Amino acid sequence: MTNNDLLKMCEQVKNDLVNLYNNNPSDEEIVEAEENGVAYDLYSYISDSLNITYTLDSEKKLIGVRLMVAGGGPNIFINTVSGKIEGYWGGDEVTLFIPDEIAEAITENFEDMF
């Protein structure tokens, strides 16, 4: 795998997030997506995360999360604290920014836990 391959994978994660954030699926589309194991909104996408790291402030209020969405080579994370997608493969590293509203929407999905 090259750094360019890692960049393409991180760009795909970013594109998925943007598309799912803007998606307003019908009930039929939701059923079809669930039957095919495909994400249809941000929540369905992040619910498949391989690992979740929570960042809390001193009052145990959620600041953000870091979600592992690919692992084992390459490793790709969505980090809502920094507002970035982080990709790692060997010594290569890729960082892409995600829109603030998407980072906030993802974080909101985890606020009820604290």
Protein backbone atom coordinates (compact mmCIF):
# COMPACT_ATOMS: atom_id res chain seq x y z
CA MET A 1 0.00 0.00 0.00
CA THR A 2 1.29 3.44 -0.87
CA ASN A 3 0.70 6.82 0.74
CA ASN A 4 -1.57 7.60 -2.23
CA ASP A 5 -3.70 4.51 -1.44
CA LEU A 6 -3.98 5.64 2.18
CA LEU A 7 -5.01 9.12 1.03
CA LYS A 8 -7.72 7.64 -1.21
CA MET A 9 -9.08 5.55 1.65
CA CYS A 10 -9.20 8.57 3.98
CA GLU A 11 -10.88 10.65 1.26
CA GLN A 12 -13.50 7.90 0.89
CA VAL A 13 -14.24 8.05 4.63
CA LYS A 14 -14.61 11.83 4.38
CA ASN A 15 -16.89 11.54 1.33
CA ASP A 16 -18.99 8.91 3.12
CA LEU A 17 -19.39 11.20 6.15
CA VAL A 18 -20.41 14.19 4.03
CA ASN A 19 -22.88 12.14 1.97
CA LEU A 20 -24.41 10.44 5.00
CA TYR A 21 -24.67 13.73 6.90
CA ASN A 22 -26.61 15.23 3.99
CA ASN A 23 -28.66 12.08 3.35
CA ASN A 24 -32.34 12.05 4.23
CA PRO A 25 -33.35 8.48 3.36
CA SER A 26 -36.92 7.34 2.93
CA ASP A 27 -38.26 4.47 5.02
CA GLU A 28 -37.84 2.16 2.02
CA GLU A 29 -34.21 3.21 1.58
CA ILE A 30 -33.53 2.56 5.27
CA VAL A 31 -35.01 -0.93 5.08
CA GLU A 32 -33.03 -1.72 1.94
CA ALA A 33 -29.79 -0.39 3.45
CA GLU A 34 -30.32 -2.40 6.65
CA GLU A 35 -31.01 -5.57 4.65
CA ASN A 36 -27.77 -5.04 2.71
CA GLY A 37 -25.70 -4.03 5.75
CA VAL A 38 -25.04 -0.56 4.33
CA ALA A 39 -24.93 2.70 6.28
CA TYR A 40 -27.73 5.15 5.50
CA ASP A 41 -26.96 7.95 7.98
CA LEU A 42 -24.15 9.04 10.31
CA TYR A 43 -25.42 6.96 13.21
CA SER A 44 -25.53 3.75 11.19
CA TYR A 45 -22.01 4.48 9.92
CA ILE A 46 -20.42 5.18 13.29
CA SER A 47 -22.22 2.30 15.00
CA ASP A 48 -19.85 -0.02 13.11
CA SER A 49 -16.77 1.60 14.68
CA LEU A 50 -14.10 -0.85 15.76
CA ASN A 51 -13.07 1.19 18.80
CA ILE A 52 -14.21 4.38 20.53
CA THR A 53 -12.04 6.67 22.63
CA TYR A 54 -13.91 9.32 24.60
CA THR A 55 -12.41 12.71 25.47
CA LEU A 56 -13.94 14.29 28.58
CA ASP A 57 -13.30 17.56 30.36
CA SER A 58 -12.63 17.85 34.12
CA GLU A 59 -16.38 17.82 34.81
CA LYS A 60 -16.81 14.58 32.84
CA LYS A 61 -18.55 16.39 30.01
CA LEU A 62 -17.98 14.86 26.60
CA ILE A 63 -15.72 16.96 24.39
CA GLY A 64 -15.46 14.50 21.51
CA VAL A 65 -14.67 10.99 20.34
CA ARG A 66 -12.06 9.21 18.28
CA LEU A 67 -13.56 6.37 16.27
CA MET A 68 -11.54 3.63 14.61
CA VAL A 69 -13.30 2.89 11.33
CA ALA A 70 -10.57 0.72 9.77
CA GLY A 71 -7.93 -1.35 11.51
CA GLY A 72 -5.24 -3.88 10.95
CA GLY A 73 -3.58 -1.98 8.16
CA PRO A 74 -4.32 0.69 7.45
CA ASN A 75 -5.71 2.21 10.63
CA ILE A 76 -8.20 5.04 10.04
CA PHE A 77 -9.81 7.18 12.72
CA ILE A 78 -12.46 9.90 12.83
CA ASN A 79 -11.43 12.39 15.51
CA THR A 80 -14.18 14.84 16.42
CA VAL A 81 -11.99 16.72 18.93
CA SER A 82 -9.54 17.79 16.23
CA GLY A 83 -12.10 17.62 13.42
CA LYS A 84 -9.91 15.30 11.39
CA ILE A 85 -9.74 11.96 9.69
CA GLU A 86 -6.42 10.35 10.61
CA GLY A 87 -4.93 7.53 8.54
CA TYR A 88 -1.86 5.47 9.38
CA TRP A 89 -0.07 2.75 7.42
CA GLY A 90 3.46 1.79 8.38
CA GLY A 91 5.37 5.07 8.47
CA ASP A 92 2.82 6.93 6.34
CA GLU A 93 0.27 9.31 7.82
CA VAL A 94 -2.63 11.20 6.24
CA THR A 95 -4.78 13.86 7.88
CA LEU A 96 -7.93 15.38 6.36
CA PHE A 97 -10.22 17.94 7.94
CA ILE A 98 -13.95 17.26 8.26
CA PRO A 99 -16.61 19.98 8.48
CA ASP A 100 -17.32 21.17 12.04
CA GLU A 101 -21.04 20.38 11.74
CA ILE A 102 -20.25 16.74 10.94
CA ALA A 103 -17.82 16.44 13.88
CA GLU A 104 -20.45 17.96 16.17
CA ALA A 105 -23.19 15.66 14.85
CA ILE A 106 -21.03 12.61 15.47
CA THR A 107 -20.16 13.75 19.00
CA GLU A 108 -23.85 14.39 19.78
CA ASN A 109 -24.55 10.70 19.18
CA PHE A 110 -22.45 9.85 22.24
CA GLU A 111 -23.50 12.63 24.65
CA ASP A 112 -26.17 10.55 26.40
CA MET A 113 -23.48 8.22 27.73
CA PHE A 114 -22.13 10.82 30.14
